Amino acid sequence: MKKGLSMPLELIVVIAVAVLVLVVVAAMFSGALGSGDRTLKLAKAFDDGCGKLRSVYNCDNDKINKVAINLDSKIDPSDNNIDNIYHLSEICAKKSLAWRTAATTGTLSECALACGCIR
């Protein structure tokens, strides 16, 4: 066994671990690891809005942009929303769900369908 090879291999492992730790710390400070909070807020807002759409508005497609959800804090810090009040149409747009349908088709939008509305 040559002792000359053990030192460089150990050094490479230590450097690799140090780089990994630095990457994780940098991700935490940049906010890349903080998106879970946004996802949870978005899910809560969607659930609250869907509950109102079903119970108060009886799954009426035309009322999706009238359903208001009041959250304790902003979904996204970059939002210009001062009062933390969102409409279900905004939440659906953030979830990439279409909330409008053509008035002539009479079908439910993707947003209403995702809320569990069936017609």
Protein backbone atom coordinates (compact mmCIF):
# COMPACT_ATOMS: atom_id res chain seq x y z
CA MET A 1 0.00 0.00 0.00
CA LYS A 2 1.34 3.37 -0.93
CA LYS A 3 0.77 6.15 1.56
CA GLY A 4 1.30 8.79 -1.11
CA LEU A 5 -2.16 8.15 -2.63
CA SER A 6 -4.17 8.30 0.59
CA MET A 7 -3.54 11.99 1.24
CA PRO A 8 -4.80 13.27 -2.15
CA LEU A 9 -7.93 11.07 -1.97
CA GLU A 10 -8.75 12.32 1.53
CA LEU A 11 -8.13 15.87 0.42
CA ILE A 12 -10.47 15.46 -2.56
CA VAL A 13 -13.22 14.09 -0.30
CA VAL A 14 -12.82 16.97 2.17
CA ILE A 15 -12.92 19.52 -0.65
CA ALA A 16 -16.03 17.89 -2.15
CA VAL A 17 -17.85 17.99 1.19
CA ALA A 18 -16.83 21.62 1.73
CA VAL A 19 -18.14 22.60 -1.71
CA LEU A 20 -21.42 20.78 -1.05
CA VAL A 21 -21.87 22.61 2.26
CA LEU A 22 -21.16 25.95 0.58
CA VAL A 23 -23.71 25.24 -2.15
CA VAL A 24 -26.40 24.38 0.41
CA VAL A 25 -25.66 27.49 2.49
CA ALA A 26 -25.74 29.67 -0.64
CA ALA A 27 -29.09 28.13 -1.67
CA MET A 28 -30.57 28.88 1.74
CA PHE A 29 -29.51 32.52 1.58
CA SER A 30 -30.67 32.99 -2.00
CA GLY A 31 -34.14 31.65 -1.22
CA ALA A 32 -33.96 28.62 -3.48
CA LEU A 33 -34.78 26.35 -0.56
CA GLY A 34 -37.56 28.58 0.74
CA SER A 35 -40.09 27.88 -2.01
CA GLY A 36 -41.80 25.26 0.13
CA ASP A 37 -43.47 27.98 2.18
CA ARG A 38 -44.87 29.56 -0.97
CA THR A 39 -46.18 26.20 -2.14
CA LEU A 40 -47.94 25.60 1.18
CA LYS A 41 -49.53 29.07 1.16
CA LEU A 42 -50.68 28.56 -2.42
CA ALA A 43 -52.19 25.17 -1.56
CA LYS A 44 -53.98 26.59 1.49
CA ALA A 45 -55.34 29.52 -0.52
CA PHE A 46 -56.53 27.17 -3.28
CA ASP A 47 -58.26 24.87 -0.78
CA ASP A 48 -59.96 27.82 0.96
CA GLY A 49 -61.08 29.30 -2.35
CA CYS A 50 -62.38 25.99 -3.66
CA GLY A 51 -64.36 25.50 -0.45
CA LYS A 52 -66.00 28.90 -0.91
CA LEU A 53 -66.66 28.26 -4.59
CA ARG A 54 -68.43 25.01 -3.78
CA SER A 55 -70.34 26.08 -0.67
CA VAL A 56 -71.15 29.75 -1.21
CA TYR A 57 -71.32 29.98 -4.99
CA ASN A 58 -72.45 26.40 -5.77
CA CYS A 59 -69.57 25.90 -8.27
CA ASP A 60 -70.71 28.81 -10.45
CA ASN A 61 -67.98 29.30 -13.07
CA ASP A 62 -68.75 33.00 -13.38
CA LYS A 63 -67.99 33.62 -9.69
CA ILE A 64 -64.38 32.34 -9.68
CA ASN A 65 -63.03 35.88 -9.88
CA LYS A 66 -65.38 36.95 -7.03
CA VAL A 67 -64.22 34.33 -4.49
CA ALA A 68 -61.96 36.19 -2.06
CA ILE A 69 -59.40 34.45 0.15
CA ASN A 70 -57.85 36.36 3.05
CA LEU A 71 -54.43 34.98 4.03
CA ASP A 72 -52.28 35.81 7.04
CA SER A 73 -49.33 36.66 4.79
CA LYS A 74 -48.47 37.08 1.14
CA ILE A 75 -48.10 34.03 -1.07
CA ASP A 76 -45.09 35.53 -2.76
CA PRO A 77 -43.00 38.39 -1.33
CA SER A 78 -42.88 39.98 -4.78
CA ASP A 79 -46.69 40.34 -4.86
CA ASN A 80 -48.00 43.90 -4.79
CA ASN A 81 -50.94 42.66 -2.75
CA ILE A 82 -51.10 44.90 0.33
CA ASP A 83 -54.05 43.35 2.17
CA ASN A 84 -53.17 39.68 1.56
CA ILE A 85 -56.56 39.18 -0.10
CA TYR A 86 -56.47 37.04 -3.21
CA HIS A 87 -59.18 35.95 -5.59
CA LEU A 88 -59.54 32.37 -6.68
CA SER A 89 -58.86 33.47 -10.26
CA GLU A 90 -55.42 34.77 -9.14
CA ILE A 91 -54.67 31.55 -7.27
CA CYS A 92 -55.66 29.45 -10.28
CA ALA A 93 -53.45 31.59 -12.52
CA LYS A 94 -50.52 31.01 -10.13
CA LYS A 95 -51.22 27.27 -10.36
CA SER A 96 -51.38 27.57 -14.18
CA LEU A 97 -55.05 26.61 -14.28
CA ALA A 98 -57.36 28.36 -16.72
CA TRP A 99 -60.26 29.93 -14.87
CA ARG A 100 -62.13 31.43 -17.82
CA THR A 101 -64.25 29.52 -20.28
CA ALA A 102 -66.09 30.65 -23.34
CA ALA A 103 -69.57 31.81 -22.31
CA THR A 104 -71.15 29.82 -25.11
CA THR A 105 -69.73 26.42 -24.17
CA GLY A 106 -71.26 26.19 -20.70
CA THR A 107 -68.43 23.93 -19.55
CA LEU A 108 -66.48 24.24 -16.34
CA SER A 109 -63.04 25.81 -16.37
CA GLU A 110 -59.87 23.92 -15.39
CA CYS A 111 -59.94 25.82 -12.10
CA ALA A 112 -63.48 24.74 -11.23
CA LEU A 113 -62.73 21.16 -12.23
CA ALA A 114 -59.60 21.16 -10.03
CA CYS A 115 -61.81 22.38 -7.18
CA GLY A 116 -63.96 19.27 -7.56
CA CYS A 117 -66.91 20.93 -9.27
CA ILE A 118 -68.83 18.57 -11.55
CA ARG A 119 -71.68 19.41 -13.92
